[in-house]
Structures are given as structure tokens and as C-alpha cells.
Amino acid sequence: MGLTRATAHTKALNLASNVVSVVVFAIGGHALWLIGLMMAVGQVIGGWLGSHAAMRFGPKLIRPLLVIVCLAMVAKLLSDPANPLRIWLLGLT
């Protein structure tokens, strides 16, 4: 499976997990509908723009963006003072 097709499959799986999340939060009475609607609009716009960019530029765009996003997530997680891995790493020094 190519990178573009794999990325497309992740979008479908992400939609499925989001639908399940909405159902679970709605049943539990914990849904924040206005915030959720704003996030959904942002996801639709981002998904539309992202899919068009992926189809136009293919793996030349997806691969670097995937690496950048992963590195940014690692940096954010490690910058959290309560992150157990950060605490362990700081304990080594």
C-alpha cells in the first residue's frame, strides 16, 4: 500500500473513531456540542485541504509533513513536566 493510499485509509478510520467518541460522550452527557461543532468544521476543512494537497503532491508532501508532525508531538510530550519519560530522562542526569 502506498503512502497516499495509507493516508486516505487513516482518514476513514479517524472518522469512525470520532463518530464512536461522539456517541460515547453524548450517552454519558459529557458532550460539549458547540466546541465539538467548531472542531468538526476545522477537521472537515483540514481534511479537504489535506486530501487535495496529498493528491496533488503525493508522498513528496506527506512524508516530510509526517516527520515534522511526529517530531513536534515528541517535543510537546517531552516538554510536559508531568511526562513520566521526561522525569526518567531528567533523573539520569
N, C-alpha and C. Protein backbone atom coordinates (compact mmCIF):
# COMPACT_ATOMS: atom_id res chain seq x y z
N MET A 1 0.86 -1.17 0.00
CA MET A 1 0.00 0.00 0.00
C MET A 1 0.90 1.23 0.00
N GLY A 2 0.64 2.15 -0.89
CA GLY A 2 1.44 3.37 -0.96
C GLY A 2 1.10 4.34 0.15
N LEU A 3 1.95 5.33 0.30
CA LEU A 3 1.78 6.31 1.37
C LEU A 3 0.50 7.12 1.19
N THR A 4 0.17 7.49 -0.04
CA THR A 4 -1.04 8.28 -0.28
C THR A 4 -2.29 7.47 0.06
N ARG A 5 -2.31 6.20 -0.34
CA ARG A 5 -3.47 5.34 -0.05
C ARG A 5 -3.56 5.07 1.45
N ALA A 6 -2.44 4.85 2.10
CA ALA A 6 -2.44 4.61 3.55
C ALA A 6 -2.96 5.83 4.29
N THR A 7 -2.57 7.01 3.84
CA THR A 7 -3.06 8.25 4.45
C THR A 7 -4.57 8.37 4.28
N ALA A 8 -5.07 8.00 3.11
CA ALA A 8 -6.52 8.04 2.87
C ALA A 8 -7.25 7.09 3.80
N HIS A 9 -6.68 5.90 4.03
CA HIS A 9 -7.31 4.94 4.93
C HIS A 9 -7.35 5.47 6.37
N THR A 10 -6.30 6.18 6.77
CA THR A 10 -6.31 6.73 8.13
C THR A 10 -7.43 7.73 8.31
N LYS A 11 -7.77 8.45 7.26
CA LYS A 11 -8.87 9.42 7.36
C LYS A 11 -10.19 8.72 7.64
N ALA A 12 -10.43 7.60 6.98
CA ALA A 12 -11.67 6.85 7.20
C ALA A 12 -11.70 6.29 8.63
N LEU A 13 -10.58 5.77 9.09
CA LEU A 13 -10.53 5.23 10.45
C LEU A 13 -10.68 6.34 11.49
N ASN A 14 -10.12 7.50 11.21
CA ASN A 14 -10.27 8.64 12.12
C ASN A 14 -11.73 9.06 12.21
N LEU A 15 -12.42 9.07 11.08
CA LEU A 15 -13.85 9.41 11.09
C LEU A 15 -14.62 8.42 11.95
N ALA A 16 -14.32 7.14 11.80
CA ALA A 16 -15.03 6.11 12.58
C ALA A 16 -14.78 6.31 14.07
N SER A 17 -13.53 6.58 14.46
CA SER A 17 -13.25 6.77 15.89
C SER A 17 -13.92 8.04 16.42
N ASN A 18 -14.01 9.07 15.59
CA ASN A 18 -14.69 10.30 16.02
C ASN A 18 -16.19 10.07 16.22
N VAL A 19 -16.80 9.29 15.35
CA VAL A 19 -18.23 9.00 15.49
C VAL A 19 -18.47 8.22 16.78
N VAL A 20 -17.64 7.23 17.06
CA VAL A 20 -17.78 6.45 18.29
C VAL A 20 -17.60 7.36 19.50
N SER A 21 -16.63 8.27 19.44
CA SER A 21 -16.40 9.20 20.56
C SER A 21 -17.61 10.08 20.81
N VAL A 22 -18.22 10.59 19.75
CA VAL A 22 -19.40 11.44 19.91
C VAL A 22 -20.52 10.65 20.58
N VAL A 23 -20.72 9.42 20.15
CA VAL A 23 -21.78 8.59 20.74
C VAL A 23 -21.51 8.35 22.23
N VAL A 24 -20.27 7.99 22.57
CA VAL A 24 -19.93 7.72 23.96
C VAL A 24 -20.12 8.95 24.83
N PHE A 25 -19.60 10.11 24.37
CA PHE A 25 -19.74 11.34 25.16
C PHE A 25 -21.20 11.79 25.24
N ALA A 26 -21.97 11.61 24.17
CA ALA A 26 -23.38 12.00 24.19
C ALA A 26 -24.17 11.14 25.17
N ILE A 27 -23.91 9.84 25.15
CA ILE A 27 -24.61 8.93 26.07
C ILE A 27 -24.27 9.28 27.52
N GLY A 28 -23.02 9.62 27.76
CA GLY A 28 -22.59 9.97 29.11
C GLY A 28 -22.98 11.38 29.52
N GLY A 29 -23.53 12.15 28.60
CA GLY A 29 -23.95 13.52 28.92
C GLY A 29 -22.79 14.49 29.07
N HIS A 30 -21.64 14.16 28.47
CA HIS A 30 -20.45 14.99 28.62
C HIS A 30 -20.06 15.69 27.32
N ALA A 31 -20.94 15.70 26.34
CA ALA A 31 -20.62 16.31 25.05
C ALA A 31 -20.71 17.83 25.15
N LEU A 32 -19.67 18.50 24.70
CA LEU A 32 -19.67 19.96 24.58
C LEU A 32 -19.94 20.27 23.12
N TRP A 33 -21.22 20.44 22.79
CA TRP A 33 -21.66 20.46 21.40
C TRP A 33 -21.09 21.63 20.60
N LEU A 34 -21.03 22.83 21.17
CA LEU A 34 -20.53 23.98 20.41
C LEU A 34 -19.04 23.82 20.10
N ILE A 35 -18.27 23.42 21.08
CA ILE A 35 -16.84 23.21 20.86
C ILE A 35 -16.63 22.07 19.87
N GLY A 36 -17.40 21.00 20.02
CA GLY A 36 -17.29 19.87 19.11
C GLY A 36 -17.64 20.23 17.68
N LEU A 37 -18.66 21.07 17.52
CA LEU A 37 -19.05 21.51 16.18
C LEU A 37 -17.95 22.35 15.54
N MET A 38 -17.35 23.24 16.33
CA MET A 38 -16.25 24.05 15.80
C MET A 38 -15.07 23.18 15.40
N MET A 39 -14.77 22.17 16.23
CA MET A 39 -13.67 21.25 15.90
C MET A 39 -14.00 20.44 14.65
N ALA A 40 -15.24 20.02 14.51
CA ALA A 40 -15.64 19.24 13.34
C ALA A 40 -15.50 20.06 12.06
N VAL A 41 -15.90 21.32 12.12
CA VAL A 41 -15.76 22.19 10.95
C VAL A 41 -14.28 22.33 10.59
N GLY A 42 -13.43 22.52 11.59
CA GLY A 42 -12.00 22.63 11.33
C GLY A 42 -11.43 21.34 10.75
N GLN A 43 -11.90 20.19 11.23
CA GLN A 43 -11.42 18.91 10.70
C GLN A 43 -11.87 18.69 9.27
N VAL A 44 -13.09 19.10 8.95
CA VAL A 44 -13.58 18.94 7.58
C VAL A 44 -12.76 19.82 6.64
N ILE A 45 -12.54 21.07 7.03
CA ILE A 45 -11.74 21.97 6.18
C ILE A 45 -10.31 21.45 6.04
N GLY A 46 -9.71 21.04 7.15
CA GLY A 46 -8.36 20.50 7.10
C GLY A 46 -8.26 19.22 6.29
N GLY A 47 -9.25 18.35 6.44
CA GLY A 47 -9.27 17.12 5.66
C GLY A 47 -9.41 17.37 4.18
N TRP A 48 -10.26 18.33 3.83
CA TRP A 48 -10.46 18.67 2.42
C TRP A 48 -9.18 19.24 1.83
N LEU A 49 -8.59 20.21 2.53
CA LEU A 49 -7.34 20.80 2.04
C LEU A 49 -6.22 19.77 2.00
N GLY A 50 -6.13 18.95 3.04
CA GLY A 50 -5.08 17.94 3.10
C GLY A 50 -5.21 16.89 2.01
N SER A 51 -6.44 16.45 1.75
CA SER A 51 -6.61 15.42 0.71
C SER A 51 -6.28 15.97 -0.67
N HIS A 52 -6.66 17.21 -0.92
CA HIS A 52 -6.32 17.80 -2.21
C HIS A 52 -4.80 17.98 -2.35
N ALA A 53 -4.16 18.40 -1.27
CA ALA A 53 -2.70 18.56 -1.32
C ALA A 53 -2.02 17.20 -1.49
N ALA A 54 -2.53 16.17 -0.81
CA ALA A 54 -1.94 14.83 -0.93
C ALA A 54 -2.10 14.28 -2.35
N MET A 55 -3.25 14.51 -2.95
CA MET A 55 -3.46 14.03 -4.30
C MET A 55 -2.60 14.80 -5.31
N ARG A 56 -2.39 16.06 -5.03
CA ARG A 56 -1.62 16.89 -5.97
C ARG A 56 -0.12 16.64 -5.83
N PHE A 57 0.38 16.56 -4.59
CA PHE A 57 1.83 16.47 -4.38
C PHE A 57 2.29 15.07 -3.98
N GLY A 58 1.39 14.21 -3.50
CA GLY A 58 1.72 12.84 -3.17
C GLY A 58 2.71 12.72 -2.02
N PRO A 59 3.50 11.65 -2.05
CA PRO A 59 4.44 11.38 -0.95
C PRO A 59 5.49 12.47 -0.74
N LYS A 60 5.76 13.27 -1.76
CA LYS A 60 6.73 14.36 -1.60
C LYS A 60 6.28 15.36 -0.55
N LEU A 61 4.99 15.47 -0.34
CA LEU A 61 4.45 16.35 0.70
C LEU A 61 4.17 15.58 1.98
N ILE A 62 3.59 14.40 1.85
CA ILE A 62 3.15 13.65 3.03
C ILE A 62 4.31 13.23 3.91
N ARG A 63 5.37 12.69 3.32
CA ARG A 63 6.48 12.16 4.11
C ARG A 63 7.12 13.22 5.00
N PRO A 64 7.52 14.39 4.46
CA PRO A 64 8.12 15.40 5.35
C PRO A 64 7.14 15.92 6.40
N LEU A 65 5.87 16.09 6.02
CA LEU A 65 4.89 16.56 7.00
C LEU A 65 4.69 15.54 8.12
N LEU A 66 4.69 14.26 7.78
CA LEU A 66 4.55 13.22 8.78
C LEU A 66 5.71 13.27 9.78
N VAL A 67 6.91 13.43 9.27
CA VAL A 67 8.09 13.51 10.15
C VAL A 67 8.02 14.76 11.02
N ILE A 68 7.65 15.90 10.44
CA ILE A 68 7.58 17.15 11.20
C ILE A 68 6.53 17.06 12.30
N VAL A 69 5.36 16.53 11.97
CA VAL A 69 4.29 16.42 12.97
C VAL A 69 4.70 15.46 14.09
N CYS A 70 5.32 14.34 13.74
CA CYS A 70 5.77 13.39 14.77
C CYS A 70 6.81 14.01 15.68
N LEU A 71 7.78 14.73 15.11
CA LEU A 71 8.80 15.39 15.93
C LEU A 71 8.18 16.47 16.83
N ALA A 72 7.21 17.20 16.30
CA ALA A 72 6.53 18.22 17.10
C ALA A 72 5.77 17.59 18.26
N MET A 73 5.14 16.44 18.01
CA MET A 73 4.41 15.76 19.09
C MET A 73 5.38 15.25 20.16
N VAL A 74 6.52 14.71 19.73
CA VAL A 74 7.52 14.25 20.70
C VAL A 74 8.00 15.41 21.55
N ALA A 75 8.29 16.55 20.90
CA ALA A 75 8.76 17.73 21.63
C ALA A 75 7.71 18.21 22.63
N LYS A 76 6.44 18.22 22.20
CA LYS A 76 5.38 18.68 23.10
C LYS A 76 5.23 17.74 24.29
N LEU A 77 5.24 16.44 24.01
CA LEU A 77 5.09 15.47 25.10
C LEU A 77 6.26 15.53 26.07
N LEU A 78 7.47 15.66 25.55
CA LEU A 78 8.63 15.72 26.43
C LEU A 78 8.72 17.03 27.19
N SER A 79 8.08 18.08 26.69
CA SER A 79 8.10 19.37 27.39
C SER A 79 7.12 19.41 28.56
N ASP A 80 6.22 18.44 28.64
CA ASP A 80 5.26 18.36 29.74
C ASP A 80 5.99 17.94 31.01
N PRO A 81 5.95 18.77 32.05
CA PRO A 81 6.66 18.44 33.29
C PRO A 81 6.19 17.14 33.94
N ALA A 82 4.95 16.72 33.68
CA ALA A 82 4.42 15.51 34.31
C ALA A 82 4.66 14.26 33.47
N ASN A 83 5.29 14.38 32.32
CA ASN A 83 5.54 13.23 31.45
C ASN A 83 6.52 12.28 32.13
N PRO A 84 6.12 11.01 32.34
CA PRO A 84 7.00 10.06 33.04
C PRO A 84 8.33 9.84 32.33
N LEU A 85 8.33 9.85 31.00
CA LEU A 85 9.59 9.67 30.28
C LEU A 85 10.53 10.84 30.52
N ARG A 86 9.98 12.04 30.56
CA ARG A 86 10.81 13.23 30.83
C ARG A 86 11.39 13.15 32.24
N ILE A 87 10.57 12.75 33.19
CA ILE A 87 11.04 12.63 34.58
C ILE A 87 12.16 11.60 34.65
N TRP A 88 11.99 10.47 33.94
CA TRP A 88 13.02 9.44 33.93
C TRP A 88 14.31 9.94 33.28
N LEU A 89 14.16 10.64 32.12
CA LEU A 89 15.34 11.15 31.43
C LEU A 89 16.08 12.18 32.28
N LEU A 90 15.35 13.05 32.96
CA LEU A 90 15.99 14.05 33.81
C LEU A 90 16.65 13.39 35.03
N GLY A 91 16.10 12.26 35.45
CA GLY A 91 16.68 11.54 36.59
C GLY A 91 18.00 10.87 36.25
N LEU A 92 18.24 10.66 34.95
CA LEU A 92 19.50 10.04 34.53
C LEU A 92 20.68 11.00 34.61
N THR A 93 20.38 12.29 34.59
CA THR A 93 21.48 13.28 34.59
C THR A 93 21.85 13.71 35.98
